[in-house]
């Protein structure tokens, strides 16, 4: 299943990022990896967005009891495509930088 707004071409790099990240870097930390079906909210700006891969270290905080909108991503991974690269590198990065929880923003070129 492809999440709304995600192309199949994004899935393979995102799945690769998930499998590469989980075993070694996260094994010793209380972190959880979410794929593109998890929505995130950048509370300071009001942006709601579906991320390709999201990592939360520590306790995940959600907007409500639906548990479908994450408020505190630690790592955000975006798979770039020609149609999204400029926005991901510019406007979206400016939005994400306002998240106090964000430690890393990773861009993957296809």
PDB file of N, CA and C in Angstrom:
ATOM      1  N   UNK A   1       0.838  -1.184   0.000  1.00  0.00           N
ATOM      2  CA  UNK A   1       0.000   0.000   0.000  1.00  0.00           C
ATOM      3  C   UNK A   1       0.879   1.242   0.000  1.00  0.00           C
ATOM      4  N   UNK A   2       0.556   2.197  -0.812  1.00  0.00           N
ATOM      5  CA  UNK A   2       1.307   3.441  -0.899  1.00  0.00           C
ATOM      6  C   UNK A   2       0.516   4.523  -0.184  1.00  0.00           C
ATOM      7  N   UNK A   3       1.163   5.211   0.754  1.00  0.00           N
ATOM      8  CA  UNK A   3       0.485   6.279   1.494  1.00  0.00           C
ATOM      9  C   UNK A   3       0.148   7.420   0.554  1.00  0.00           C
ATOM     10  N   UNK A   4      -0.869   8.173   0.910  1.00  0.00           N
ATOM     11  CA  UNK A   4      -1.287   9.306   0.096  1.00  0.00           C
ATOM     12  C   UNK A   4      -0.109  10.226  -0.156  1.00  0.00           C
ATOM     13  N   UNK A   5       0.091  10.571  -1.417  1.00  0.00           N
ATOM     14  CA  UNK A   5       1.161  11.493  -1.756  1.00  0.00           C
ATOM     15  C   UNK A   5       2.520  10.834  -1.931  1.00  0.00           C
ATOM     16  N   UNK A   6       2.620   9.530  -1.714  1.00  0.00           N
ATOM     17  CA  UNK A   6       3.900   8.847  -1.856  1.00  0.00           C
ATOM     18  C   UNK A   6       3.890   7.996  -3.113  1.00  0.00           C
ATOM     19  N   UNK A   7       4.944   8.119  -3.869  1.00  0.00           N
ATOM     20  CA  UNK A   7       5.088   7.308  -5.063  1.00  0.00           C
ATOM     21  C   UNK A   7       5.805   6.017  -4.709  1.00  0.00           C
ATOM     22  N   UNK A   8       5.570   5.012  -5.519  1.00  0.00           N
ATOM     23  CA  UNK A   8       6.263   3.741  -5.305  1.00  0.00           C
ATOM     24  C   UNK A   8       7.776   3.922  -5.357  1.00  0.00           C
ATOM     25  N   UNK A   9       8.258   4.879  -6.144  1.00  0.00           N
ATOM     26  CA  UNK A   9       9.698   5.107  -6.242  1.00  0.00           C
ATOM     27  C   UNK A   9      10.291   5.572  -4.917  1.00  0.00           C
ATOM     28  N   UNK A  10       9.466   6.112  -4.024  1.00  0.00           N
ATOM     29  CA  UNK A  10       9.935   6.519  -2.698  1.00  0.00           C
ATOM     30  C   UNK A  10      10.032   5.330  -1.748  1.00  0.00           C
ATOM     31  N   UNK A  11       9.254   4.294  -1.994  1.00  0.00           N
ATOM     32  CA  UNK A  11       9.164   3.203  -1.031  1.00  0.00           C
ATOM     33  C   UNK A  11      10.463   2.434  -0.873  1.00  0.00           C
ATOM     34  N   UNK A  12      11.097   2.069  -1.961  1.00  0.00           N
ATOM     35  CA  UNK A  12      12.312   1.252  -1.862  1.00  0.00           C
ATOM     36  C   UNK A  12      13.423   1.983  -1.113  1.00  0.00           C
ATOM     37  N   UNK A  13      13.768   3.246  -1.452  1.00  0.00           N
ATOM     38  CA  UNK A  13      14.791   3.937  -0.656  1.00  0.00           C
ATOM     39  C   UNK A  13      14.377   4.123   0.801  1.00  0.00           C
ATOM     40  N   UNK A  14      13.114   4.394   1.046  1.00  0.00           N
ATOM     41  CA  UNK A  14      12.649   4.574   2.422  1.00  0.00           C
ATOM     42  C   UNK A  14      12.749   3.269   3.199  1.00  0.00           C
ATOM     43  N   UNK A  15      12.378   2.159   2.574  1.00  0.00           N
ATOM     44  CA  UNK A  15      12.492   0.866   3.241  1.00  0.00           C
ATOM     45  C   UNK A  15      13.952   0.531   3.507  1.00  0.00           C
ATOM     46  N   UNK A  16      14.825   0.891   2.571  1.00  0.00           N
ATOM     47  CA  UNK A  16      16.253   0.677   2.778  1.00  0.00           C
ATOM     48  C   UNK A  16      16.771   1.490   3.949  1.00  0.00           C
ATOM     49  N   UNK A  17      16.319   2.722   4.054  1.00  0.00           N
ATOM     50  CA  UNK A  17      16.735   3.569   5.177  1.00  0.00           C
ATOM     51  C   UNK A  17      16.251   2.982   6.491  1.00  0.00           C
ATOM     52  N   UNK A  18      15.054   2.446   6.486  1.00  0.00           N
ATOM     53  CA  UNK A  18      14.508   1.843   7.700  1.00  0.00           C
ATOM     54  C   UNK A  18      15.324   0.633   8.112  1.00  0.00           C
ATOM     55  N   UNK A  19      15.609  -0.255   7.174  1.00  0.00           N
ATOM     56  CA  UNK A  19      16.337  -1.472   7.527  1.00  0.00           C
ATOM     57  C   UNK A  19      17.786  -1.177   7.883  1.00  0.00           C
ATOM     58  N   UNK A  20      18.386  -0.177   7.268  1.00  0.00           N
ATOM     59  CA  UNK A  20      19.770   0.178   7.585  1.00  0.00           C
ATOM     60  C   UNK A  20      19.879   0.879   8.929  1.00  0.00           C
ATOM     61  N   UNK A  21      18.881   1.636   9.302  1.00  0.00           N
ATOM     62  CA  UNK A  21      18.924   2.404  10.542  1.00  0.00           C
ATOM     63  C   UNK A  21      18.631   1.543  11.755  1.00  0.00           C
ATOM     64  N   UNK A  22      17.647   0.701  11.660  1.00  0.00           N
ATOM     65  CA  UNK A  22      17.150  -0.013  12.834  1.00  0.00           C
ATOM     66  C   UNK A  22      18.187  -0.904  13.516  1.00  0.00           C
ATOM     67  N   UNK A  23      18.870  -1.804  12.836  1.00  0.00           N
ATOM     68  CA  UNK A  23      19.687  -2.765  13.572  1.00  0.00           C
ATOM     69  C   UNK A  23      20.837  -2.161  14.363  1.00  0.00           C
ATOM     70  N   UNK A  24      21.716  -1.432  13.733  1.00  0.00           N
ATOM     71  CA  UNK A  24      22.922  -1.018  14.433  1.00  0.00           C
ATOM     72  C   UNK A  24      22.756   0.241  15.268  1.00  0.00           C
ATOM     73  N   UNK A  25      22.221   1.283  14.701  1.00  0.00           N
ATOM     74  CA  UNK A  25      22.160   2.554  15.410  1.00  0.00           C
ATOM     75  C   UNK A  25      21.107   2.593  16.507  1.00  0.00           C
ATOM     76  N   UNK A  26      20.020   1.860  16.351  1.00  0.00           N
ATOM     77  CA  UNK A  26      18.921   1.988  17.296  1.00  0.00           C
ATOM     78  C   UNK A  26      18.823   0.851  18.303  1.00  0.00           C
ATOM     79  N   UNK A  27      19.588  -0.185  18.116  1.00  0.00           N
ATOM     80  CA  UNK A  27      19.476  -1.359  18.979  1.00  0.00           C
ATOM     81  C   UNK A  27      19.693  -1.019  20.448  1.00  0.00           C
ATOM     82  N   UNK A  28      20.613  -0.112  20.744  1.00  0.00           N
ATOM     83  CA  UNK A  28      20.961   0.206  22.128  1.00  0.00           C
ATOM     84  C   UNK A  28      20.184   1.393  22.683  1.00  0.00           C
ATOM     85  N   UNK A  29      19.269   1.934  21.905  1.00  0.00           N
ATOM     86  CA  UNK A  29      18.518   3.113  22.329  1.00  0.00           C
ATOM     87  C   UNK A  29      17.023   2.819  22.292  1.00  0.00           C
ATOM     88  N   UNK A  30      16.264   3.486  23.143  1.00  0.00           N
ATOM     89  CA  UNK A  30      14.804   3.291  23.116  1.00  0.00           C
ATOM     90  C   UNK A  30      14.177   4.091  21.973  1.00  0.00           C
ATOM     91  N   UNK A  31      14.461   3.669  20.744  1.00  0.00           N
ATOM     92  CA  UNK A  31      13.971   4.384  19.570  1.00  0.00           C
ATOM     93  C   UNK A  31      13.019   3.503  18.777  1.00  0.00           C
ATOM     94  N   UNK A  32      12.098   4.147  18.089  1.00  0.00           N
ATOM     95  CA  UNK A  32      11.146   3.441  17.245  1.00  0.00           C
ATOM     96  C   UNK A  32      11.159   4.084  15.868  1.00  0.00           C
ATOM     97  N   UNK A  33      11.104   3.237  14.836  1.00  0.00           N
ATOM     98  CA  UNK A  33      11.113   3.698  13.452  1.00  0.00           C
ATOM     99  C   UNK A  33       9.705   3.577  12.884  1.00  0.00           C
ATOM    100  N   UNK A  34       9.243   4.655  12.248  1.00  0.00           N
ATOM    101  CA  UNK A  34       7.938   4.667  11.587  1.00  0.00           C
ATOM    102  C   UNK A  34       8.158   4.918  10.103  1.00  0.00           C
ATOM    103  N   UNK A  35       7.394   4.215   9.263  1.00  0.00           N
ATOM    104  CA  UNK A  35       7.474   4.468   7.831  1.00  0.00           C
ATOM    105  C   UNK A  35       6.418   5.479   7.422  1.00  0.00           C
ATOM    106  N   UNK A  36       6.185   5.604   6.143  1.00  0.00           N
ATOM    107  CA  UNK A  36       5.425   6.723   5.584  1.00  0.00           C
ATOM    108  C   UNK A  36       3.954   6.790   5.974  1.00  0.00           C
ATOM    109  N   UNK A  37       3.454   5.831   6.717  1.00  0.00           N
ATOM    110  CA  UNK A  37       2.050   5.920   7.119  1.00  0.00           C
ATOM    111  C   UNK A  37       1.861   6.714   8.415  1.00  0.00           C
ATOM    112  N   UNK A  38       2.955   7.205   8.992  1.00  0.00           N
ATOM    113  CA  UNK A  38       2.872   8.026  10.203  1.00  0.00           C
ATOM    114  C   UNK A  38       2.907   9.506   9.812  1.00  0.00           C
ATOM    115  N   UNK A  39       1.903  10.229  10.239  1.00  0.00           N
ATOM    116  CA  UNK A  39       1.855  11.665   9.985  1.00  0.00           C
ATOM    117  C   UNK A  39       2.577  12.380  11.119  1.00  0.00           C
ATOM    118  N   UNK A  40       3.182  13.501  10.811  1.00  0.00           N
ATOM    119  CA  UNK A  40       3.841  14.312  11.835  1.00  0.00           C
ATOM    120  C   UNK A  40       3.265  15.720  11.791  1.00  0.00           C
ATOM    121  N   UNK A  41       3.267  16.352  12.951  1.00  0.00           N
ATOM    122  CA  UNK A  41       2.835  17.745  13.035  1.00  0.00           C
ATOM    123  C   UNK A  41       3.996  18.573  13.558  1.00  0.00           C
ATOM    124  N   UNK A  42       4.276  19.650  12.852  1.00  0.00           N
ATOM    125  CA  UNK A  42       5.250  20.631  13.320  1.00  0.00           C
ATOM    126  C   UNK A  42       4.431  21.676  14.066  1.00  0.00           C
ATOM    127  N   UNK A  43       4.281  21.476  15.361  1.00  0.00           N
ATOM    128  CA  UNK A  43       3.379  22.318  16.156  1.00  0.00           C
ATOM    129  C   UNK A  43       3.646  23.817  16.032  1.00  0.00           C
ATOM    130  N   UNK A  44       4.923  24.260  16.050  1.00  0.00           N
ATOM    131  CA  UNK A  44       5.150  25.712  15.971  1.00  0.00           C
ATOM    132  C   UNK A  44       4.632  26.359  14.685  1.00  0.00           C
ATOM    133  N   UNK A  45       4.515  25.573  13.599  1.00  0.00           N
ATOM    134  CA  UNK A  45       4.080  26.159  12.329  1.00  0.00           C
ATOM    135  C   UNK A  45       2.704  25.669  11.889  1.00  0.00           C
ATOM    136  N   UNK A  46       2.213  24.592  12.508  1.00  0.00           N
ATOM    137  CA  UNK A  46       0.922  24.037  12.121  1.00  0.00           C
ATOM    138  C   UNK A  46       0.983  23.088  10.939  1.00  0.00           C
ATOM    139  N   UNK A  47       2.189  22.786  10.442  1.00  0.00           N
ATOM    140  CA  UNK A  47       2.342  21.887   9.300  1.00  0.00           C
ATOM    141  C   UNK A  47       2.034  20.447   9.693  1.00  0.00           C
ATOM    142  N   UNK A  48       1.184  19.795   8.918  1.00  0.00           N
ATOM    143  CA  UNK A  48       0.958  18.354   9.011  1.00  0.00           C
ATOM    144  C   UNK A  48       1.569  17.742   7.765  1.00  0.00           C
ATOM    145  N   UNK A  49       2.351  16.666   7.924  1.00  0.00           N
ATOM    146  CA  UNK A  49       3.002  16.069   6.769  1.00  0.00           C
ATOM    147  C   UNK A  49       3.272  14.591   6.999  1.00  0.00           C
ATOM    148  N   UNK A  50       3.277  13.837   5.913  1.00  0.00           N
ATOM    149  CA  UNK A  50       3.670  12.431   5.963  1.00  0.00           C
ATOM    150  C   UNK A  50       5.139  12.358   5.588  1.00  0.00           C
ATOM    151  N   UNK A  51       5.941  11.785   6.466  1.00  0.00           N
ATOM    152  CA  UNK A  51       7.374  11.675   6.255  1.00  0.00           C
ATOM    153  C   UNK A  51       7.690  10.294   5.692  1.00  0.00           C
ATOM    154  N   UNK A  52       8.773  10.191   4.932  1.00  0.00           N
ATOM    155  CA  UNK A  52       9.133   8.888   4.365  1.00  0.00           C
ATOM    156  C   UNK A  52       9.550   7.914   5.465  1.00  0.00           C
ATOM    157  N   UNK A  53      10.395   8.352   6.364  1.00  0.00           N
ATOM    158  CA  UNK A  53      10.799   7.560   7.530  1.00  0.00           C
ATOM    159  C   UNK A  53      10.970   8.530   8.692  1.00  0.00           C
ATOM    160  N   UNK A  54      10.510   8.123   9.856  1.00  0.00           N
ATOM    161  CA  UNK A  54      10.632   8.937  11.060  1.00  0.00           C
ATOM    162  C   UNK A  54      11.165   8.057  12.181  1.00  0.00           C
ATOM    163  N   UNK A  55      12.067   8.600  12.975  1.00  0.00           N
ATOM    164  CA  UNK A  55      12.581   7.899  14.145  1.00  0.00           C
ATOM    165  C   UNK A  55      12.255   8.745  15.366  1.00  0.00           C
ATOM    166  N   UNK A  56      11.773   8.083  16.408  1.00  0.00           N
ATOM    167  CA  UNK A  56      11.528   8.746  17.687  1.00  0.00           C
ATOM    168  C   UNK A  56      12.352   8.019  18.738  1.00  0.00           C
ATOM    169  N   UNK A  57      13.183   8.760  19.436  1.00  0.00           N
ATOM    170  CA  UNK A  57      13.953   8.190  20.540  1.00  0.00           C
ATOM    171  C   UNK A  57      13.331   8.701  21.834  1.00  0.00           C
ATOM    172  N   UNK A  58      13.070   7.788  22.727  1.00  0.00           N
ATOM    173  CA  UNK A  58      12.341   8.139  23.939  1.00  0.00           C
ATOM    174  C   UNK A  58      10.863   7.884  23.714  1.00  0.00           C
ATOM    175  N   UNK A  59      10.050   8.482  24.552  1.00  0.00           N
ATOM    176  CA  UNK A  59       8.608   8.269  24.462  1.00  0.00           C
ATOM    177  C   UNK A  59       7.992   9.100  23.341  1.00  0.00           C
ATOM    178  N   UNK A  60       7.285   8.434  22.449  1.00  0.00           N
ATOM    179  CA  UNK A  60       6.605   9.138  21.359  1.00  0.00           C
ATOM    180  C   UNK A  60       5.412   9.905  21.925  1.00  0.00           C
ATOM    181  N   UNK A  61       5.248  11.131  21.447  1.00  0.00           N
ATOM    182  CA  UNK A  61       4.091  11.947  21.834  1.00  0.00           C
ATOM    183  C   UNK A  61       3.209  12.108  20.604  1.00  0.00           C
ATOM    184  N   UNK A  62       1.912  11.938  20.818  1.00  0.00           N
ATOM    185  CA  UNK A  62       0.959  12.027  19.722  1.00  0.00           C
ATOM    186  C   UNK A  62      -0.036  13.144  19.984  1.00  0.00           C
ATOM    187  N   UNK A  63      -0.627  13.639  18.904  1.00  0.00           N
ATOM    188  CA  UNK A  63      -1.564  14.755  19.009  1.00  0.00           C
ATOM    189  C   UNK A  63      -2.827  14.379  19.784  1.00  0.00           C
ATOM    190  N   UNK A  64      -3.289  13.138  19.612  1.00  0.00           N
ATOM    191  CA  UNK A  64      -4.521  12.719  20.286  1.00  0.00           C
ATOM    192  C   UNK A  64      -4.536  11.199  20.433  1.00  0.00           C
ATOM    193  N   UNK A  65      -5.659  10.665  20.836  1.00  0.00           N
ATOM    194  CA  UNK A  65      -5.793   9.230  21.079  1.00  0.00           C
ATOM    195  C   UNK A  65      -5.782   8.399  19.801  1.00  0.00           C
ATOM    196  N   UNK A  66      -5.881   9.026  18.649  1.00  0.00           N
ATOM    197  CA  UNK A  66      -5.838   8.293  17.374  1.00  0.00           C
ATOM    198  C   UNK A  66      -4.451   7.704  17.124  1.00  0.00           C
ATOM    199  N   UNK A  67      -3.433   8.264  17.753  1.00  0.00           N
ATOM    200  CA  UNK A  67      -2.041   7.807  17.636  1.00  0.00           C
ATOM    201  C   UNK A  67      -1.604   7.739  16.169  1.00  0.00           C
ATOM    202  N   UNK A  68      -2.002   8.746  15.398  1.00  0.00           N
ATOM    203  CA  UNK A  68      -1.608   8.780  13.993  1.00  0.00           C
ATOM    204  C   UNK A  68      -0.870  10.060  13.609  1.00  0.00           C
ATOM    205  N   UNK A  69      -0.660  10.946  14.591  1.00  0.00           N
ATOM    206  CA  UNK A  69       0.046  12.195  14.317  1.00  0.00           C
ATOM    207  C   UNK A  69       1.118  12.396  15.374  1.00  0.00           C
ATOM    208  N   UNK A  70       2.354  12.216  14.961  1.00  0.00           N
ATOM    209  CA  UNK A  70       3.511  12.295  15.845  1.00  0.00           C
ATOM    210  C   UNK A  70       3.918  13.749  16.065  1.00  0.00           C
ATOM    211  N   UNK A  71       4.256  14.084  17.296  1.00  0.00           N
ATOM    212  CA  UNK A  71       4.640  15.460  17.627  1.00  0.00           C
ATOM    213  C   UNK A  71       6.134  15.641  17.874  1.00  0.00           C
ATOM    214  N   UNK A  72       6.876  14.553  18.100  1.00  0.00           N
ATOM    215  CA  UNK A  72       8.271  14.708  18.511  1.00  0.00           C
ATOM    216  C   UNK A  72       9.256  13.807  17.761  1.00  0.00           C
ATOM    217  N   UNK A  73       9.337  13.930  16.438  1.00  0.00           N
ATOM    218  CA  UNK A  73      10.326  13.123  15.721  1.00  0.00           C
ATOM    219  C   UNK A  73      11.749  13.528  16.104  1.00  0.00           C
ATOM    220  N   UNK A  74      12.619  12.527  16.223  1.00  0.00           N
ATOM    221  CA  UNK A  74      14.029  12.769  16.516  1.00  0.00           C
ATOM    222  C   UNK A  74      14.832  12.834  15.223  1.00  0.00           C
ATOM    223  N   UNK A  75      14.493  11.949  14.282  1.00  0.00           N
ATOM    224  CA  UNK A  75      15.142  11.905  12.969  1.00  0.00           C
ATOM    225  C   UNK A  75      14.049  11.888  11.911  1.00  0.00           C
ATOM    226  N   UNK A  76      14.213  12.706  10.889  1.00  0.00           N
ATOM    227  CA  UNK A  76      13.306  12.718   9.742  1.00  0.00           C
ATOM    228  C   UNK A  76      14.119  12.349   8.515  1.00  0.00           C
ATOM    229  N   UNK A  77      13.608  11.375   7.749  1.00  0.00           N
ATOM    230  CA  UNK A  77      14.246  10.960   6.501  1.00  0.00           C
ATOM    231  C   UNK A  77      13.274  11.241   5.367  1.00  0.00           C
ATOM    232  N   UNK A  78      13.747  11.960   4.368  1.00  0.00           N
ATOM    233  CA  UNK A  78      12.946  12.241   3.174  1.00  0.00           C
ATOM    234  C   UNK A  78      13.679  11.702   1.954  1.00  0.00           C
ATOM    235  N   UNK A  79      12.950  11.037   1.071  1.00  0.00           N
ATOM    236  CA  UNK A  79      13.492  10.556  -0.194  1.00  0.00           C
ATOM    237  C   UNK A  79      13.210  11.630  -1.234  1.00  0.00           C
ATOM    238  N   UNK A  80      14.278  12.118  -1.844  1.00  0.00           N
ATOM    239  CA  UNK A  80      14.141  13.198  -2.815  1.00  0.00           C
ATOM    240  C   UNK A  80      13.722  12.670  -4.179  1.00  0.00           C
ATOM    241  N   UNK A  81      12.944  13.461  -4.862  1.00  0.00           N
ATOM    242  CA  UNK A  81      12.617  13.210  -6.260  1.00  0.00           C
ATOM    243  C   UNK A  81      12.697  14.564  -6.955  1.00  0.00           C
ATOM    244  N   UNK A  82      12.761  14.570  -8.279  1.00  0.00           N
ATOM    245  CA  UNK A  82      12.847  15.861  -8.968  1.00  0.00           C
ATOM    246  C   UNK A  82      11.718  16.824  -8.585  1.00  0.00           C
ATOM    247  N   UNK A  83      10.537  16.292  -8.334  1.00  0.00           N
ATOM    248  CA  UNK A  83       9.409  17.171  -8.023  1.00  0.00           C
ATOM    249  C   UNK A  83       9.382  17.636  -6.566  1.00  0.00           C
ATOM    250  N   UNK A  84      10.113  16.969  -5.664  1.00  0.00           N
ATOM    251  CA  UNK A  84      10.069  17.345  -4.241  1.00  0.00           C
ATOM    252  C   UNK A  84      11.378  17.904  -3.704  1.00  0.00           C
ATOM    253  N   UNK A  85      12.466  17.757  -4.439  1.00  0.00           N
ATOM    254  CA  UNK A  85      13.781  18.093  -3.891  1.00  0.00           C
ATOM    255  C   UNK A  85      13.886  19.537  -3.412  1.00  0.00           C
ATOM    256  N   UNK A  86      13.468  20.473  -4.212  1.00  0.00           N
ATOM    257  CA  UNK A  86      13.581  21.882  -3.833  1.00  0.00           C
ATOM    258  C   UNK A  86      12.781  22.179  -2.566  1.00  0.00           C
ATOM    259  N   UNK A  87      11.582  21.668  -2.504  1.00  0.00           N
ATOM    260  CA  UNK A  87      10.723  21.897  -1.330  1.00  0.00           C
ATOM    261  C   UNK A  87      11.293  21.208  -0.089  1.00  0.00           C
ATOM    262  N   UNK A  88      11.797  19.956  -0.247  1.00  0.00           N
ATOM    263  CA  UNK A  88      12.362  19.226   0.889  1.00  0.00           C
ATOM    264  C   UNK A  88      13.614  19.911   1.432  1.00  0.00           C
ATOM    265  N   UNK A  89      14.448  20.430   0.540  1.00  0.00           N
ATOM    266  CA  UNK A  89      15.689  21.088   0.966  1.00  0.00           C
ATOM    267  C   UNK A  89      15.447  22.497   1.518  1.00  0.00           C
ATOM    268  N   UNK A  90      14.394  23.118   1.086  1.00  0.00           N
ATOM    269  CA  UNK A  90      14.139  24.508   1.461  1.00  0.00           C
ATOM    270  C   UNK A  90      13.035  24.677   2.484  1.00  0.00           C
ATOM    271  N   UNK A  91      11.825  24.860   1.977  1.00  0.00           N
ATOM    272  CA  UNK A  91      10.685  25.201   2.828  1.00  0.00           C
ATOM    273  C   UNK A  91      10.435  24.174   3.927  1.00  0.00           C
ATOM    274  N   UNK A  92      10.422  22.865   3.583  1.00  0.00           N
ATOM    275  CA  UNK A  92      10.144  21.849   4.602  1.00  0.00           C
ATOM    276  C   UNK A  92      11.247  21.816   5.663  1.00  0.00           C
ATOM    277  N   UNK A  93      12.500  21.957   5.244  1.00  0.00           N
ATOM    278  CA  UNK A  93      13.590  21.963   6.214  1.00  0.00           C
ATOM    279  C   UNK A  93      13.441  23.132   7.185  1.00  0.00           C
ATOM    280  N   UNK A  94      13.044  24.281   6.679  1.00  0.00           N
ATOM    281  CA  UNK A  94      12.807  25.433   7.561  1.00  0.00           C
ATOM    282  C   UNK A  94      11.705  25.126   8.576  1.00  0.00           C
ATOM    283  N   UNK A  95      10.672  24.429   8.146  1.00  0.00           N
ATOM    284  CA  UNK A  95       9.595  24.039   9.058  1.00  0.00           C
ATOM    285  C   UNK A  95      10.117  23.069  10.117  1.00  0.00           C
ATOM    286  N   UNK A  96      10.819  22.031   9.675  1.00  0.00           N
ATOM    287  CA  UNK A  96      11.302  20.988  10.584  1.00  0.00           C
ATOM    288  C   UNK A  96      12.285  21.534  11.616  1.00  0.00           C
ATOM    289  N   UNK A  97      13.063  22.529  11.244  1.00  0.00           N
ATOM    290  CA  UNK A  97      14.048  23.096  12.172  1.00  0.00           C
ATOM    291  C   UNK A  97      13.400  23.706  13.407  1.00  0.00           C
ATOM    292  N   UNK A  98      12.127  23.964  13.354  1.00  0.00           N
ATOM    293  CA  UNK A  98      11.410  24.535  14.498  1.00  0.00           C
ATOM    294  C   UNK A  98      11.009  23.469  15.526  1.00  0.00           C
ATOM    295  N   UNK A  99      11.220  22.197  15.190  1.00  0.00           N
ATOM    296  CA  UNK A  99      10.921  21.109  16.124  1.00  0.00           C
ATOM    297  C   UNK A  99      12.056  20.978  17.139  1.00  0.00           C
ATOM    298  N   UNK A 100      11.760  21.149  18.407  1.00  0.00           N
ATOM    299  CA  UNK A 100      12.786  21.016  19.445  1.00  0.00           C
ATOM    300  C   UNK A 100      13.345  19.601  19.516  1.00  0.00           C
ATOM    301  N   UNK A 101      12.540  18.613  19.178  1.00  0.00           N
ATOM    302  CA  UNK A 101      12.955  17.216  19.278  1.00  0.00           C
ATOM    303  C   UNK A 101      13.883  16.774  18.145  1.00  0.00           C
ATOM    304  N   UNK A 102      13.900  17.496  17.034  1.00  0.00           N
ATOM    305  CA  UNK A 102      14.632  17.050  15.846  1.00  0.00           C
ATOM    306  C   UNK A 102      16.145  17.154  16.035  1.00  0.00           C
ATOM    307  N   UNK A 103      16.822  16.011  15.844  1.00  0.00           N
ATOM    308  CA  UNK A 103      18.279  15.961  15.948  1.00  0.00           C
ATOM    309  C   UNK A 103      18.945  15.825  14.578  1.00  0.00           C
ATOM    310  N   UNK A 104      18.283  15.132  13.648  1.00  0.00           N
ATOM    311  CA  UNK A 104      18.861  14.900  12.320  1.00  0.00           C
ATOM    312  C   UNK A 104      17.781  14.975  11.252  1.00  0.00           C
ATOM    313  N   UNK A 105      18.154  15.540  10.108  1.00  0.00           N
ATOM    314  CA  UNK A 105      17.295  15.573   8.927  1.00  0.00           C
ATOM    315  C   UNK A 105      18.102  14.948   7.807  1.00  0.00           C
ATOM    316  N   UNK A 106      17.643  13.808   7.302  1.00  0.00           N
ATOM    317  CA  UNK A 106      18.386  13.031   6.318  1.00  0.00           C
ATOM    318  C   UNK A 106      17.643  13.071   4.988  1.00  0.00           C
ATOM    319  N   UNK A 107      18.371  13.422   3.928  1.00  0.00           N
ATOM    320  CA  UNK A 107      17.806  13.434   2.582  1.00  0.00           C
ATOM    321  C   UNK A 107      18.477  12.338   1.768  1.00  0.00           C
ATOM    322  N   UNK A 108      17.674  11.547   1.073  1.00  0.00           N
ATOM    323  CA  UNK A 108      18.190  10.459   0.246  1.00  0.00           C
ATOM    324  C   UNK A 108      17.863  10.768  -1.206  1.00  0.00           C
ATOM    325  N   UNK A 109      18.911  10.872  -2.026  1.00  0.00           N
ATOM    326  CA  UNK A 109      18.717  11.100  -3.457  1.00  0.00           C
ATOM    327  C   UNK A 109      18.468   9.760  -4.129  1.00  0.00           C
ATOM    328  N   UNK A 110      17.547   9.751  -5.087  1.00  0.00           N
ATOM    329  CA  UNK A 110      17.247   8.510  -5.818  1.00  0.00           C
ATOM    330  C   UNK A 110      18.187   8.356  -6.981  1.00  0.00           C
TER     331      UNK A 110
END
